[in-house]
Amino acid sequence: MATTPKNSKPISPYWAEKYSTSGNGDKGAAPSSSTSQSKPSTGSSSTKRRKSGSTSGKKKSSTRKRRKNSRITISIPTWLVWVILGLIAAFFLWPRYIHDGEETGDTLPPGTYTYGIDISHHNDPKIEWDSLMVMTDILGRTTTSVDGARKMFPVSFVFMKATEGVTFNDRNFKSNWKEAGKRDLQRGAYHFYRTTKDPSAQAKHFIRVVGELRYKDLPPVLDIETIHSGCTKEELNRDLLIWLREVEEHYGVKPIVYTYESFASSYLSKEILSSYPIWIAHYGVRKPLLEDWIIWQFTDSGVVHGIRGNVDLNVMR
């Protein structure tokens, strides 16, 4: 089992400043409806002269039939006008923004952030590590098309699944970890926690698989999002602290706790939420309800240039 000296330097300058336990760092921080009028329909008058077949030479008087002018006014709701105009615009403009082989995904949240991804064996293993880029098209969607991109942002950090429970190893971890290291990306490893397994054994399993961390690497991550039947809230938080403290002692930095919004509010203790940096998953919102977060996973349906298929997208502040 690889070990890191307890007095070694903290991992990342950013994380060392805020979360290192080897130094003195502490946690910081209506218009009117349109009408359509028909043209007046006016029946043209015609005079038909019928010559009498008699020899009297008298002409029968002709009759002229006139149709009354009619005007029909049709009232169309304003909302329907906008719908029709929108459909017409989409019909003509949409094809311009579809490119061959393009994938599109969710939009980015408002604000200025650093963007990153998290991956596991669920993602396509054939990653173009030198081409990773978060891009958005003219409609604000994330896109894989360089031709259709209007904004581009670098992928600044990558988290990857390493372990789960006490025996499971992610089959893509070693390759992902190595390739990200070659590009000098900020990389981080996470453990998917199982409440049915011993927390200390899970911590040791994670440390054994991940090994030592570089100075630039991000802190280890505890992914907690499920709880088995019969496990109480007190038991859950007690065991989570065992994992967190063992990993913290080994690496000399506070681990990050990943969870989703409702799980955090329902199960996690104030001690965990206030003592460890939080990576929160909350989709379809302008910002998470939980305010004290470090990383926010805002979608699992984004796309990134360099990876095929949907990808979890995150921002760091």
C-alpha atoms as a PDB file:
ATOM      1  CA  MET A   1       0.000   0.000   0.000  1.00  0.00           C
ATOM      2  CA  ALA A   2       1.445   3.329  -1.084  1.00  0.00           C
ATOM      3  CA  THR A   3       1.671   5.884   1.669  1.00  0.00           C
ATOM      4  CA  THR A   4       2.311   9.590   1.817  1.00  0.00           C
ATOM      5  CA  PRO A   5       4.322  11.081   4.674  1.00  0.00           C
ATOM      6  CA  LYS A   6       2.081  12.994   7.033  1.00  0.00           C
ATOM      7  CA  ASN A   7       4.398  15.965   6.927  1.00  0.00           C
ATOM      8  CA  SER A   8       4.435  16.166   3.128  1.00  0.00           C
ATOM      9  CA  LYS A   9       3.380  19.332   1.369  1.00  0.00           C
ATOM     10  CA  PRO A  10      -0.344  19.915   0.834  1.00  0.00           C
ATOM     11  CA  ILE A  11      -1.714  18.849  -2.528  1.00  0.00           C
ATOM     12  CA  SER A  12      -2.832  21.906  -4.455  1.00  0.00           C
ATOM     13  CA  PRO A  13      -2.030  25.582  -3.814  1.00  0.00           C
ATOM     14  CA  TYR A  14      -5.735  26.408  -3.789  1.00  0.00           C
ATOM     15  CA  TRP A  15      -6.748  23.510  -1.588  1.00  0.00           C
ATOM     16  CA  ALA A  16      -3.677  23.849   0.583  1.00  0.00           C
ATOM     17  CA  GLU A  17      -4.663  27.390   1.468  1.00  0.00           C
ATOM     18  CA  LYS A  18      -8.182  26.479   2.542  1.00  0.00           C
ATOM     19  CA  TYR A  19      -8.281  22.840   3.530  1.00  0.00           C
ATOM     20  CA  SER A  20      -4.808  21.547   4.295  1.00  0.00           C
ATOM     21  CA  THR A  21      -4.520  19.765   7.619  1.00  0.00           C
ATOM     22  CA  SER A  22      -0.739  19.601   7.447  1.00  0.00           C
ATOM     23  CA  GLY A  23      -0.445  23.375   7.884  1.00  0.00           C
ATOM     24  CA  ASN A  24      -2.526  26.055   9.564  1.00  0.00           C
ATOM     25  CA  GLY A  25      -5.140  26.446   6.802  1.00  0.00           C
ATOM     26  CA  ASP A  26      -8.785  26.469   7.854  1.00  0.00           C
ATOM     27  CA  LYS A  27     -11.888  26.311   5.732  1.00  0.00           C
ATOM     28  CA  GLY A  28     -12.764  29.623   4.030  1.00  0.00           C
ATOM     29  CA  ALA A  29     -14.648  30.324   2.478  1.00  0.00           C
ATOM     30  CA  ALA A  30     -49.854  43.513 -24.899  1.00  0.00           C
ATOM     31  CA  PRO A  31     -50.382  44.675 -28.122  1.00  0.00           C
ATOM     32  CA  SER A  32     -53.793  44.457 -29.625  1.00  0.00           C
ATOM     33  CA  SER A  33     -54.742  41.284 -31.451  1.00  0.00           C
ATOM     34  CA  SER A  34     -53.967  41.297 -35.138  1.00  0.00           C
ATOM     35  CA  THR A  35     -56.772  41.020 -37.632  1.00  0.00           C
ATOM     36  CA  SER A  36     -56.984  39.668 -41.110  1.00  0.00           C
ATOM     37  CA  GLN A  37     -59.467  41.264 -43.509  1.00  0.00           C
ATOM     38  CA  SER A  38     -60.764  39.809 -46.661  1.00  0.00           C
ATOM     39  CA  LYS A  39     -61.141  41.952 -49.708  1.00  0.00           C
ATOM     40  CA  PRO A  40     -64.654  43.137 -50.287  1.00  0.00           C
ATOM     41  CA  SER A  41     -66.435  40.642 -52.442  1.00  0.00           C
ATOM     42  CA  THR A  42     -68.400  42.526 -54.999  1.00  0.00           C
ATOM     43  CA  GLY A  43     -70.458  40.685 -57.504  1.00  0.00           C
ATOM     44  CA  SER A  44     -70.034  42.265 -60.957  1.00  0.00           C
ATOM     45  CA  SER A  45     -73.211  43.419 -62.595  1.00  0.00           C
ATOM     46  CA  SER A  46     -74.107  42.062 -65.932  1.00  0.00           C
ATOM     47  CA  THR A  47     -76.949  42.979 -68.097  1.00  0.00           C
ATOM     48  CA  LYS A  48     -78.288  40.276 -70.190  1.00  0.00           C
ATOM     49  CA  ARG A  49     -80.258  41.302 -73.116  1.00  0.00           C
ATOM     50  CA  ARG A  50     -82.542  38.784 -74.499  1.00  0.00           C
ATOM     51  CA  LYS A  51     -83.887  39.498 -77.876  1.00  0.00           C
ATOM     52  CA  SER A  52     -87.470  38.678 -78.318  1.00  0.00           C
ATOM     53  CA  GLY A  53     -88.282  36.148 -80.897  1.00  0.00           C
ATOM     54  CA  SER A  54     -91.434  38.111 -81.783  1.00  0.00           C
ATOM     55  CA  THR A  55     -91.684  40.459 -84.697  1.00  0.00           C
ATOM     56  CA  SER A  56     -92.954  43.304 -82.551  1.00  0.00           C
ATOM     57  CA  GLY A  57     -89.438  44.789 -82.380  1.00  0.00           C
ATOM     58  CA  LYS A  58     -89.859  45.505 -78.654  1.00  0.00           C
ATOM     59  CA  LYS A  59     -87.048  44.660 -76.312  1.00  0.00           C
ATOM     60  CA  LYS A  60     -87.639  43.077 -72.956  1.00  0.00           C
ATOM     61  CA  SER A  61     -86.150  45.068 -70.105  1.00  0.00           C
ATOM     62  CA  SER A  62     -83.008  43.533 -68.513  1.00  0.00           C
ATOM     63  CA  THR A  63     -82.527  43.019 -64.791  1.00  0.00           C
ATOM     64  CA  ARG A  64     -79.338  43.798 -62.831  1.00  0.00           C
ATOM     65  CA  LYS A  65     -78.533  41.806 -59.739  1.00  0.00           C
ATOM     66  CA  ARG A  66     -76.153  43.265 -57.247  1.00  0.00           C
ATOM     67  CA  ARG A  67     -74.520  41.553 -54.327  1.00  0.00           C
ATOM     68  CA  LYS A  68     -74.137  43.476 -51.156  1.00  0.00           C
ATOM     69  CA  ASN A  69     -70.622  44.230 -50.066  1.00  0.00           C
ATOM     70  CA  SER A  70     -69.556  42.017 -47.168  1.00  0.00           C
ATOM     71  CA  ARG A  71     -66.625  42.491 -44.716  1.00  0.00           C
ATOM     72  CA  ILE A  72     -65.418  39.629 -42.451  1.00  0.00           C
ATOM     73  CA  THR A  73     -63.098  40.341 -39.464  1.00  0.00           C
ATOM     74  CA  ILE A  74     -61.219  37.458 -37.857  1.00  0.00           C
ATOM     75  CA  SER A  75     -59.608  38.003 -34.420  1.00  0.00           C
ATOM     76  CA  ILE A  76     -56.406  36.009 -33.755  1.00  0.00           C
ATOM     77  CA  PRO A  77     -54.996  35.818 -30.202  1.00  0.00           C
ATOM     78  CA  THR A  78     -51.636  37.527 -29.775  1.00  0.00           C
ATOM     79  CA  TRP A  79     -50.002  34.394 -28.349  1.00  0.00           C
ATOM     80  CA  LEU A  80     -51.013  32.412 -31.420  1.00  0.00           C
ATOM     81  CA  VAL A  81     -49.400  34.999 -33.675  1.00  0.00           C
ATOM     82  CA  TRP A  82     -46.099  34.630 -31.779  1.00  0.00           C
ATOM     83  CA  VAL A  83     -46.293  30.851 -31.944  1.00  0.00           C
ATOM     84  CA  ILE A  84     -46.833  30.942 -35.695  1.00  0.00           C
ATOM     85  CA  LEU A  85     -43.989  33.432 -36.190  1.00  0.00           C
ATOM     86  CA  GLY A  86     -41.718  31.286 -34.003  1.00  0.00           C
ATOM     87  CA  LEU A  87     -42.472  28.164 -36.005  1.00  0.00           C
ATOM     88  CA  ILE A  88     -41.784  29.988 -39.245  1.00  0.00           C
ATOM     89  CA  ALA A  89     -38.458  31.320 -37.912  1.00  0.00           C
ATOM     90  CA  ALA A  90     -37.450  27.893 -36.632  1.00  0.00           C
ATOM     91  CA  PHE A  91     -38.263  26.318 -39.993  1.00  0.00           C
ATOM     92  CA  PHE A  92     -35.922  28.661 -41.840  1.00  0.00           C
ATOM     93  CA  LEU A  93     -33.167  29.168 -39.258  1.00  0.00           C
ATOM     94  CA  TRP A  94     -32.765  25.859 -37.393  1.00  0.00           C
ATOM     95  CA  PRO A  95     -30.999  23.938 -40.179  1.00  0.00           C
ATOM     96  CA  ARG A  96     -28.219  26.534 -40.142  1.00  0.00           C
ATOM     97  CA  TYR A  97     -27.171  25.458 -36.641  1.00  0.00           C
ATOM     98  CA  ILE A  98     -27.116  21.709 -37.124  1.00  0.00           C
ATOM     99  CA  HIS A  99     -23.711  20.362 -38.121  1.00  0.00           C
ATOM    100  CA  ASP A 100     -22.734  16.878 -39.190  1.00  0.00           C
ATOM    101  CA  GLY A 101     -21.966  14.654 -36.217  1.00  0.00           C
ATOM    102  CA  GLU A 102     -22.853  17.380 -33.720  1.00  0.00           C
ATOM    103  CA  GLU A 103     -24.069  16.525 -30.229  1.00  0.00           C
ATOM    104  CA  THR A 104     -25.795  19.108 -28.067  1.00  0.00           C
ATOM    105  CA  GLY A 105     -26.577  19.186 -24.366  1.00  0.00           C
ATOM    106  CA  ASP A 106     -27.708  21.382 -21.498  1.00  0.00           C
ATOM    107  CA  THR A 107     -26.809  25.052 -21.259  1.00  0.00           C
ATOM    108  CA  LEU A 108     -24.263  26.531 -18.838  1.00  0.00           C
ATOM    109  CA  PRO A 109     -25.408  28.338 -15.692  1.00  0.00           C
ATOM    110  CA  PRO A 110     -25.072  32.120 -15.544  1.00  0.00           C
ATOM    111  CA  GLY A 111     -21.899  33.409 -13.951  1.00  0.00           C
ATOM    112  CA  THR A 112     -18.145  33.262 -14.339  1.00  0.00           C
ATOM    113  CA  TYR A 113     -16.733  29.898 -13.296  1.00  0.00           C
ATOM    114  CA  THR A 114     -14.018  27.346 -13.875  1.00  0.00           C
ATOM    115  CA  TYR A 115     -15.469  24.350 -15.748  1.00  0.00           C
ATOM    116  CA  GLY A 116     -14.745  20.677 -15.185  1.00  0.00           C
ATOM    117  CA  ILE A 117     -16.102  17.185 -15.755  1.00  0.00           C
ATOM    118  CA  ASP A 118     -16.418  13.948 -13.827  1.00  0.00           C
ATOM    119  CA  ILE A 119     -16.190  10.575 -15.542  1.00  0.00           C
ATOM    120  CA  SER A 120     -16.396   6.856 -14.823  1.00  0.00           C
ATOM    121  CA  HIS A 121     -16.788   3.547 -16.644  1.00  0.00           C
ATOM    122  CA  HIS A 122     -20.226   4.792 -17.721  1.00  0.00           C
ATOM    123  CA  ASN A 123     -18.546   7.219 -20.135  1.00  0.00           C
ATOM    124  CA  ASP A 124     -16.956   6.343 -23.459  1.00  0.00           C
ATOM    125  CA  PRO A 125     -13.361   5.316 -22.688  1.00  0.00           C
ATOM    126  CA  LYS A 126     -12.014   6.783 -25.936  1.00  0.00           C
ATOM    127  CA  ILE A 127     -11.399  10.304 -24.692  1.00  0.00           C
ATOM    128  CA  GLU A 128      -9.482  12.838 -26.792  1.00  0.00           C
ATOM    129  CA  TRP A 129      -7.580  14.258 -23.849  1.00  0.00           C
ATOM    130  CA  ASP A 130      -5.785  16.923 -25.892  1.00  0.00           C
ATOM    131  CA  SER A 131      -9.088  18.227 -27.313  1.00  0.00           C
ATOM    132  CA  LEU A 132     -11.233  18.594 -24.189  1.00  0.00           C
ATOM    133  CA  MET A 133     -13.251  21.786 -24.416  1.00  0.00           C
ATOM    134  CA  VAL A 134     -16.584  23.078 -23.124  1.00  0.00           C
ATOM    135  CA  MET A 135     -18.291  24.919 -25.997  1.00  0.00           C
ATOM    136  CA  THR A 136     -21.700  26.529 -26.488  1.00  0.00           C
ATOM    137  CA  ASP A 137     -23.571  27.254 -29.705  1.00  0.00           C
ATOM    138  CA  ILE A 138     -25.657  30.280 -30.710  1.00  0.00           C
ATOM    139  CA  LEU A 139     -28.626  28.893 -28.780  1.00  0.00           C
ATOM    140  CA  GLY A 140     -26.564  28.546 -25.595  1.00  0.00           C
ATOM    141  CA  ARG A 141     -26.453  24.750 -25.663  1.00  0.00           C
ATOM    142  CA  THR A 142     -23.257  22.844 -24.976  1.00  0.00           C
ATOM    143  CA  THR A 143     -22.017  21.420 -28.259  1.00  0.00           C
ATOM    144  CA  THR A 144     -19.317  19.163 -29.668  1.00  0.00           C
ATOM    145  CA  SER A 145     -19.153  21.076 -32.955  1.00  0.00           C
ATOM    146  CA  VAL A 146     -16.233  23.459 -33.405  1.00  0.00           C
ATOM    147  CA  ASP A 147     -17.946  24.993 -36.440  1.00  0.00           C
ATOM    148  CA  GLY A 148     -21.138  25.630 -34.469  1.00  0.00           C
ATOM    149  CA  ALA A 149     -19.403  26.946 -31.337  1.00  0.00           C
ATOM    150  CA  ARG A 150     -19.791  30.574 -30.345  1.00  0.00           C
ATOM    151  CA  LYS A 151     -18.022  30.372 -26.951  1.00  0.00           C
ATOM    152  CA  MET A 152     -15.248  28.066 -25.779  1.00  0.00           C
ATOM    153  CA  PHE A 153     -13.970  27.297 -22.287  1.00  0.00           C
ATOM    154  CA  PRO A 154     -11.137  24.961 -21.272  1.00  0.00           C
ATOM    155  CA  VAL A 155     -11.816  21.887 -19.185  1.00  0.00           C
ATOM    156  CA  SER A 156      -9.826  22.922 -16.118  1.00  0.00           C
ATOM    157  CA  PHE A 157     -10.349  19.905 -13.863  1.00  0.00           C
ATOM    158  CA  VAL A 158     -11.379  16.256 -14.116  1.00  0.00           C
ATOM    159  CA  PHE A 159     -12.716  13.998 -11.388  1.00  0.00           C
ATOM    160  CA  MET A 160     -12.821  10.265 -12.050  1.00  0.00           C
ATOM    161  CA  LYS A 161     -14.279   7.299 -10.230  1.00  0.00           C
ATOM    162  CA  ALA A 162     -11.668   5.089  -8.603  1.00  0.00           C
ATOM    163  CA  THR A 163     -13.456   2.727  -6.234  1.00  0.00           C
ATOM    164  CA  GLU A 164     -16.774   1.622  -4.755  1.00  0.00           C
ATOM    165  CA  GLY A 165     -17.411  -0.336  -1.585  1.00  0.00           C
ATOM    166  CA  VAL A 166     -14.518  -2.560  -0.504  1.00  0.00           C
ATOM    167  CA  THR A 167     -13.693  -4.479  -3.694  1.00  0.00           C
ATOM    168  CA  PHE A 168     -14.890  -2.607  -6.779  1.00  0.00           C
ATOM    169  CA  ASN A 169     -12.349  -0.810  -9.000  1.00  0.00           C
ATOM    170  CA  ASP A 170     -13.506   1.335 -11.881  1.00  0.00           C
ATOM    171  CA  ARG A 171     -12.162  -0.333 -15.019  1.00  0.00           C
ATOM    172  CA  ASN A 172     -11.243   2.992 -16.656  1.00  0.00           C
ATOM    173  CA  PHE A 173      -9.613   4.617 -13.629  1.00  0.00           C
ATOM    174  CA  LYS A 174      -5.978   3.695 -14.243  1.00  0.00           C
ATOM    175  CA  SER A 175      -6.103   4.815 -17.867  1.00  0.00           C
ATOM    176  CA  ASN A 176      -8.013   8.024 -17.096  1.00  0.00           C
ATOM    177  CA  TRP A 177      -5.709   8.846 -14.180  1.00  0.00           C
ATOM    178  CA  LYS A 178      -2.600   8.315 -16.288  1.00  0.00           C
ATOM    179  CA  GLU A 179      -3.825  10.282 -19.311  1.00  0.00           C
ATOM    180  CA  ALA A 180      -5.008  13.226 -17.242  1.00  0.00           C
ATOM    181  CA  GLY A 181      -1.633  13.249 -15.482  1.00  0.00           C
ATOM    182  CA  LYS A 182       0.215  13.419 -18.785  1.00  0.00           C
ATOM    183  CA  ARG A 183      -1.670  16.612 -19.700  1.00  0.00           C
ATOM    184  CA  ASP A 184      -0.948  18.161 -16.317  1.00  0.00           C
ATOM    185  CA  LEU A 185      -4.688  18.556 -15.715  1.00  0.00           C
ATOM    186  CA  GLN A 186      -6.022  19.092 -12.238  1.00  0.00           C
ATOM    187  CA  ARG A 187      -7.317  15.617 -11.540  1.00  0.00           C
ATOM    188  CA  GLY A 188      -9.186  14.102  -8.637  1.00  0.00           C
ATOM    189  CA  ALA A 189     -10.354  10.611  -7.639  1.00  0.00           C
ATOM    190  CA  TYR A 190     -13.621   9.706  -5.942  1.00  0.00           C
ATOM    191  CA  HIS A 191     -14.979   6.775  -3.964  1.00  0.00           C
ATOM    192  CA  PHE A 192     -18.635   5.737  -4.236  1.00  0.00           C
ATOM    193  CA  TYR A 193     -19.620   4.954  -0.658  1.00  0.00           C
ATOM    194  CA  ARG A 194     -21.723   1.909   0.255  1.00  0.00           C
ATOM    195  CA  THR A 195     -23.478   2.140   3.624  1.00  0.00           C
ATOM    196  CA  THR A 196     -23.590  -1.667   3.878  1.00  0.00           C
ATOM    197  CA  LYS A 197     -19.786  -1.914   3.967  1.00  0.00           C
ATOM    198  CA  ASP A 198     -17.251  -1.151   6.682  1.00  0.00           C
ATOM    199  CA  PRO A 199     -16.115   2.506   6.392  1.00  0.00           C
ATOM    200  CA  SER A 200     -12.516   1.844   7.410  1.00  0.00           C
ATOM    201  CA  ALA A 201     -12.190  -0.987   4.885  1.00  0.00           C
ATOM    202  CA  GLN A 202     -13.604   1.315   2.202  1.00  0.00           C
ATOM    203  CA  ALA A 203     -11.074   4.020   3.064  1.00  0.00           C
ATOM    204  CA  LYS A 204      -8.173   1.584   2.866  1.00  0.00           C
ATOM    205  CA  HIS A 205      -9.462   0.231  -0.458  1.00  0.00           C
ATOM    206  CA  PHE A 206      -9.562   3.759  -1.918  1.00  0.00           C
ATOM    207  CA  ILE A 207      -6.050   4.663  -0.690  1.00  0.00           C
ATOM    208  CA  ARG A 208      -4.620   1.409  -2.037  1.00  0.00           C
ATOM    209  CA  VAL A 209      -6.064   1.923  -5.538  1.00  0.00           C
ATOM    210  CA  VAL A 210      -5.347   5.649  -5.900  1.00  0.00           C
ATOM    211  CA  GLY A 211      -1.892   5.642  -4.362  1.00  0.00           C
ATOM    212  CA  GLU A 212       0.050   8.858  -3.855  1.00  0.00           C
ATOM    213  CA  LEU A 213      -1.151  12.214  -5.148  1.00  0.00           C
ATOM    214  CA  ARG A 214       0.768  14.922  -6.960  1.00  0.00           C
ATOM    215  CA  TYR A 215       1.040  18.420  -5.542  1.00  0.00           C
ATOM    216  CA  LYS A 216      -1.384  19.668  -8.203  1.00  0.00           C
ATOM    217  CA  ASP A 217      -3.968  16.913  -7.714  1.00  0.00           C
ATOM    218  CA  LEU A 218      -7.335  17.715  -6.181  1.00  0.00           C
ATOM    219  CA  PRO A 219      -8.359  16.266  -2.811  1.00  0.00           C
ATOM    220  CA  PRO A 220      -9.968  12.825  -2.573  1.00  0.00           C
ATOM    221  CA  VAL A 221     -13.756  12.743  -2.861  1.00  0.00           C
ATOM    222  CA  LEU A 222     -16.339  10.789  -0.873  1.00  0.00           C
ATOM    223  CA  ASP A 223     -19.422  10.239  -3.055  1.00  0.00           C
ATOM    224  CA  ILE A 224     -22.424   9.603  -0.786  1.00  0.00           C
ATOM    225  CA  GLU A 225     -25.876   9.497  -2.360  1.00  0.00           C
ATOM    226  CA  THR A 226     -27.521   6.248  -1.186  1.00  0.00           C
ATOM    227  CA  ILE A 227     -28.450   4.732   2.148  1.00  0.00           C
ATOM    228  CA  HIS A 228     -29.557   1.146   2.753  1.00  0.00           C
ATOM    229  CA  SER A 229     -32.754   0.238   4.533  1.00  0.00           C
ATOM    230  CA  GLY A 230     -32.296   0.079   8.290  1.00  0.00           C
ATOM    231  CA  CYS A 231     -29.346   2.469   8.411  1.00  0.00           C
ATOM    232  CA  THR A 232     -30.123   5.404  10.674  1.00  0.00           C
ATOM    233  CA  LYS A 233     -28.974   8.977  10.116  1.00  0.00           C
ATOM    234  CA  GLU A 234     -26.754   8.755  13.191  1.00  0.00           C
ATOM    235  CA  GLU A 235     -25.070   5.567  11.977  1.00  0.00           C
ATOM    236  CA  LEU A 236     -24.575   7.041   8.519  1.00  0.00           C
ATOM    237  CA  ASN A 237     -22.812  10.178   9.740  1.00  0.00           C
ATOM    238  CA  ARG A 238     -20.704   8.245  12.256  1.00  0.00           C
ATOM    239  CA  ASP A 239     -19.408   5.922   9.523  1.00  0.00           C
ATOM    240  CA  LEU A 240     -18.867   8.712   7.006  1.00  0.00           C
ATOM    241  CA  LEU A 241     -16.657  10.522   9.514  1.00  0.00           C
ATOM    242  CA  ILE A 242     -14.560   7.369   9.922  1.00  0.00           C
ATOM    243  CA  TRP A 243     -13.875   7.288   6.153  1.00  0.00           C
ATOM    244  CA  LEU A 244     -13.249  11.025   5.978  1.00  0.00           C
ATOM    245  CA  ARG A 245     -10.837  11.114   8.908  1.00  0.00           C
ATOM    246  CA  GLU A 246      -8.807   8.127   7.764  1.00  0.00           C
ATOM    247  CA  VAL A 247      -8.388   9.509   4.260  1.00  0.00           C
ATOM    248  CA  GLU A 248      -7.691  12.990   5.631  1.00  0.00           C
ATOM    249  CA  GLU A 249      -4.985  11.637   7.924  1.00  0.00           C
ATOM    250  CA  HIS A 250      -3.346   9.728   5.081  1.00  0.00           C
ATOM    251  CA  TYR A 251      -3.263  12.539   2.501  1.00  0.00           C
ATOM    252  CA  GLY A 252      -2.992  15.536   4.820  1.00  0.00           C
ATOM    253  CA  VAL A 253      -5.932  17.361   3.244  1.00  0.00           C
ATOM    254  CA  LYS A 254      -9.658  17.448   3.914  1.00  0.00           C
ATOM    255  CA  PRO A 255     -11.588  15.259   1.458  1.00  0.00           C
ATOM    256  CA  ILE A 256     -14.446  16.703  -0.557  1.00  0.00           C
ATOM    257  CA  VAL A 257     -17.951  15.394   0.124  1.00  0.00           C
ATOM    258  CA  TYR A 258     -20.077  14.882  -3.002  1.00  0.00           C
ATOM    259  CA  THR A 259     -23.831  14.541  -2.616  1.00  0.00           C
ATOM    260  CA  TYR A 260     -27.056  15.885  -4.072  1.00  0.00           C
ATOM    261  CA  GLU A 261     -29.221  18.637  -2.645  1.00  0.00           C
ATOM    262  CA  SER A 262     -32.054  16.637  -1.068  1.00  0.00           C
ATOM    263  CA  PHE A 263     -29.712  13.983   0.379  1.00  0.00           C
ATOM    264  CA  ALA A 264     -27.590  16.644   2.049  1.00  0.00           C
ATOM    265  CA  SER A 265     -30.589  18.315   3.676  1.00  0.00           C
ATOM    266  CA  SER A 266     -32.190  15.009   4.738  1.00  0.00           C
ATOM    267  CA  TYR A 267     -29.237  12.944   5.968  1.00  0.00           C
ATOM    268  CA  LEU A 268     -25.926  14.737   6.381  1.00  0.00           C
ATOM    269  CA  SER A 269     -25.009  16.249   9.737  1.00  0.00           C
ATOM    270  CA  LYS A 270     -24.045  19.870  10.279  1.00  0.00           C
ATOM    271  CA  GLU A 271     -20.617  18.654  11.355  1.00  0.00           C
ATOM    272  CA  ILE A 272     -19.927  17.137   7.934  1.00  0.00           C
ATOM    273  CA  LEU A 273     -21.510  19.985   5.970  1.00  0.00           C
ATOM    274  CA  SER A 274     -19.558  22.632   7.878  1.00  0.00           C
ATOM    275  CA  SER A 275     -16.229  20.813   8.284  1.00  0.00           C
ATOM    276  CA  TYR A 276     -15.624  19.538   4.751  1.00  0.00           C
ATOM    277  CA  PRO A 277     -15.751  21.180   1.293  1.00  0.00           C
ATOM    278  CA  ILE A 278     -19.022  20.299  -0.405  1.00  0.00           C
ATOM    279  CA  TRP A 279     -19.508  19.254  -4.024  1.00  0.00           C
ATOM    280  CA  ILE A 280     -23.249  19.566  -4.573  1.00  0.00           C
ATOM    281  CA  ALA A 281     -25.347  18.110  -7.390  1.00  0.00           C
ATOM    282  CA  HIS A 282     -28.410  20.196  -8.198  1.00  0.00           C
ATOM    283  CA  TYR A 283     -29.900  20.260 -11.702  1.00  0.00           C
ATOM    284  CA  GLY A 284     -32.253  22.657 -13.475  1.00  0.00           C
ATOM    285  CA  VAL A 285     -31.614  25.659 -11.212  1.00  0.00           C
ATOM    286  CA  ARG A 286     -29.770  28.946 -11.568  1.00  0.00           C
ATOM    287  CA  LYS A 287     -27.816  28.156  -8.411  1.00  0.00           C
ATOM    288  CA  PRO A 288     -27.942  25.473  -5.702  1.00  0.00           C
ATOM    289  CA  LEU A 289     -30.083  25.940  -2.599  1.00  0.00           C
ATOM    290  CA  LEU A 290     -27.081  24.953  -0.493  1.00  0.00           C
ATOM    291  CA  GLU A 291     -24.980  28.104  -0.395  1.00  0.00           C
ATOM    292  CA  ASP A 292     -21.718  26.867   1.097  1.00  0.00           C
ATOM    293  CA  TRP A 293     -20.495  24.800  -1.857  1.00  0.00           C
ATOM    294  CA  ILE A 294     -17.096  24.600  -3.539  1.00  0.00           C
ATOM    295  CA  ILE A 295     -18.079  22.619  -6.642  1.00  0.00           C
ATOM    296  CA  TRP A 296     -21.507  22.465  -8.268  1.00  0.00           C
ATOM    297  CA  GLN A 297     -22.529  19.660 -10.624  1.00  0.00           C
ATOM    298  CA  PHE A 298     -25.259  21.428 -12.575  1.00  0.00           C
ATOM    299  CA  THR A 299     -26.132  18.760 -15.151  1.00  0.00           C
ATOM    300  CA  ASP A 300     -25.597  15.155 -16.150  1.00  0.00           C
ATOM    301  CA  SER A 301     -26.708  15.921 -19.712  1.00  0.00           C
ATOM    302  CA  GLY A 302     -23.960  18.182 -20.968  1.00  0.00           C
ATOM    303  CA  VAL A 303     -21.624  17.487 -23.875  1.00  0.00           C
ATOM    304  CA  VAL A 304     -17.914  18.200 -24.165  1.00  0.00           C
ATOM    305  CA  HIS A 305     -15.722  18.296 -27.239  1.00  0.00           C
ATOM    306  CA  GLY A 306     -13.429  15.277 -26.989  1.00  0.00           C
ATOM    307  CA  ILE A 307     -15.919  12.889 -25.337  1.00  0.00           C
ATOM    308  CA  ARG A 308     -18.784  11.083 -27.021  1.00  0.00           C
ATOM    309  CA  GLY A 309     -22.138  11.069 -25.257  1.00  0.00           C
ATOM    310  CA  ASN A 310     -23.495  12.944 -22.264  1.00  0.00           C
ATOM    311  CA  VAL A 311     -21.099  14.072 -19.537  1.00  0.00           C
ATOM    312  CA  ASP A 312     -21.534  15.408 -15.993  1.00  0.00           C
ATOM    313  CA  LEU A 313     -20.577  19.093 -16.022  1.00  0.00           C
ATOM    314  CA  ASN A 314     -19.355  21.028 -12.994  1.00  0.00           C
ATOM    315  CA  VAL A 315     -18.267  24.516 -12.036  1.00  0.00           C
ATOM    316  CA  MET A 316     -15.776  25.460  -9.338  1.00  0.00           C
ATOM    317  CA  ARG A 317     -15.620  28.740  -7.498  1.00  0.00           C
END
